[in-house]
Amino acid sequence: MKVGDLVELSSAGRGTGYCQTMRKKTGIIVEIRESGMYPIDVHWFDGPGKVRHRRANLKFLSKTQKK
């Protein structure tokens, strides 16, 4: 993953309590740090704003979204 990628929560992320407000939301990666427990900053659209995540809690946004 790199800055500018569109993401959504992975199944691991959907099962995490602090990620509940980001379910079914789309985000964009705004920063990636070299170290730390939560190195990826994601800005969530129509959600809580900027939140730090682990890589395991995120997946690339599917190109074909079901509506």
C-alpha atoms as a PDB file:
ATOM      1  CA  MET A   1       0.000   0.000   0.000  1.00  0.00           C
ATOM      2  CA  LYS A   2       1.061   3.559  -0.608  1.00  0.00           C
ATOM      3  CA  VAL A   3      -0.172   7.095   0.003  1.00  0.00           C
ATOM      4  CA  GLY A   4      -3.178   7.846  -2.191  1.00  0.00           C
ATOM      5  CA  ASP A   5      -4.566   4.285  -2.304  1.00  0.00           C
ATOM      6  CA  LEU A   6      -8.287   3.894  -1.644  1.00  0.00           C
ATOM      7  CA  VAL A   7      -9.039   1.384   1.103  1.00  0.00           C
ATOM      8  CA  GLU A   8     -11.794  -0.215   3.128  1.00  0.00           C
ATOM      9  CA  LEU A   9     -11.734  -2.401   6.229  1.00  0.00           C
ATOM     10  CA  SER A  10     -10.596  -5.993   5.885  1.00  0.00           C
ATOM     11  CA  SER A  11     -12.465  -8.778   7.682  1.00  0.00           C
ATOM     12  CA  ALA A  12      -9.975  -8.405  10.553  1.00  0.00           C
ATOM     13  CA  GLY A  13     -10.712  -4.684  10.708  1.00  0.00           C
ATOM     14  CA  ARG A  14     -14.474  -5.204  10.683  1.00  0.00           C
ATOM     15  CA  GLY A  15     -14.087  -7.466  13.714  1.00  0.00           C
ATOM     16  CA  THR A  16     -12.187  -4.835  15.704  1.00  0.00           C
ATOM     17  CA  GLY A  17     -14.231  -2.793  18.162  1.00  0.00           C
ATOM     18  CA  TYR A  18     -12.629   0.597  17.478  1.00  0.00           C
ATOM     19  CA  CYS A  19     -13.272   0.230  13.727  1.00  0.00           C
ATOM     20  CA  GLN A  20     -17.071  -0.080  13.984  1.00  0.00           C
ATOM     21  CA  THR A  21     -17.705   3.488  12.810  1.00  0.00           C
ATOM     22  CA  MET A  22     -15.670   2.824   9.644  1.00  0.00           C
ATOM     23  CA  ARG A  23     -17.601  -0.204   8.430  1.00  0.00           C
ATOM     24  CA  LYS A  24     -18.908   0.159   4.873  1.00  0.00           C
ATOM     25  CA  LYS A  25     -16.838   3.352   4.457  1.00  0.00           C
ATOM     26  CA  THR A  26     -14.138   4.285   1.971  1.00  0.00           C
ATOM     27  CA  GLY A  27     -10.879   5.899   2.981  1.00  0.00           C
ATOM     28  CA  ILE A  28      -7.675   7.188   1.429  1.00  0.00           C
ATOM     29  CA  ILE A  29      -4.194   6.595   2.822  1.00  0.00           C
ATOM     30  CA  VAL A  30      -2.662   9.949   3.761  1.00  0.00           C
ATOM     31  CA  GLU A  31       0.526   8.882   5.563  1.00  0.00           C
ATOM     32  CA  ILE A  32       2.605   5.765   6.199  1.00  0.00           C
ATOM     33  CA  ARG A  33       5.219   5.750   8.952  1.00  0.00           C
ATOM     34  CA  GLU A  34       8.200   3.403   9.092  1.00  0.00           C
ATOM     35  CA  SER A  35       7.466   2.136  12.604  1.00  0.00           C
ATOM     36  CA  GLY A  36       4.818   1.986  15.268  1.00  0.00           C
ATOM     37  CA  MET A  37       1.897  -0.243  16.119  1.00  0.00           C
ATOM     38  CA  TYR A  38      -0.490   1.684  13.835  1.00  0.00           C
ATOM     39  CA  PRO A  39       1.704   3.053  11.029  1.00  0.00           C
ATOM     40  CA  ILE A  40      -0.972   3.857   8.431  1.00  0.00           C
ATOM     41  CA  ASP A  41      -3.084   7.044   8.612  1.00  0.00           C
ATOM     42  CA  VAL A  42      -6.357   6.823   6.707  1.00  0.00           C
ATOM     43  CA  HIS A  43      -8.786   9.681   6.102  1.00  0.00           C
ATOM     44  CA  TRP A  44     -12.285   8.171   6.064  1.00  0.00           C
ATOM     45  CA  PHE A  45     -14.892   9.814   3.823  1.00  0.00           C
ATOM     46  CA  ASP A  46     -18.271  10.352   5.556  1.00  0.00           C
ATOM     47  CA  GLY A  47     -16.757   8.945   8.712  1.00  0.00           C
ATOM     48  CA  PRO A  48     -14.574   9.787  11.681  1.00  0.00           C
ATOM     49  CA  GLY A  49     -11.862  11.609   9.703  1.00  0.00           C
ATOM     50  CA  LYS A  50      -8.210  10.606  10.092  1.00  0.00           C
ATOM     51  CA  VAL A  51      -7.556   7.365  11.994  1.00  0.00           C
ATOM     52  CA  ARG A  52      -4.408   5.242  12.432  1.00  0.00           C
ATOM     53  CA  HIS A  53      -4.525   1.571  11.422  1.00  0.00           C
ATOM     54  CA  ARG A  54      -2.513  -1.603  11.153  1.00  0.00           C
ATOM     55  CA  ARG A  55      -1.983  -3.012   7.673  1.00  0.00           C
ATOM     56  CA  ALA A  56      -3.985  -6.134   8.603  1.00  0.00           C
ATOM     57  CA  ASN A  57      -7.107  -4.019   9.235  1.00  0.00           C
ATOM     58  CA  LEU A  58      -7.167  -2.621   5.694  1.00  0.00           C
ATOM     59  CA  LYS A  59      -7.662  -3.878   2.167  1.00  0.00           C
ATOM     60  CA  PHE A  60      -7.646  -2.183  -1.209  1.00  0.00           C
ATOM     61  CA  LEU A  61     -11.024  -0.850  -2.306  1.00  0.00           C
ATOM     62  CA  SER A  62     -12.699  -3.230  -4.699  1.00  0.00           C
ATOM     63  CA  LYS A  63     -12.957  -1.810  -8.222  1.00  0.00           C
ATOM     64  CA  THR A  64     -16.487  -3.198  -8.521  1.00  0.00           C
ATOM     65  CA  GLN A  65     -18.565  -1.999  -5.585  1.00  0.00           C
ATOM     66  CA  LYS A  66     -21.985  -3.579  -5.052  1.00  0.00           C
ATOM     67  CA  LYS A  67     -24.777  -1.072  -4.583  1.00  0.00           C
END
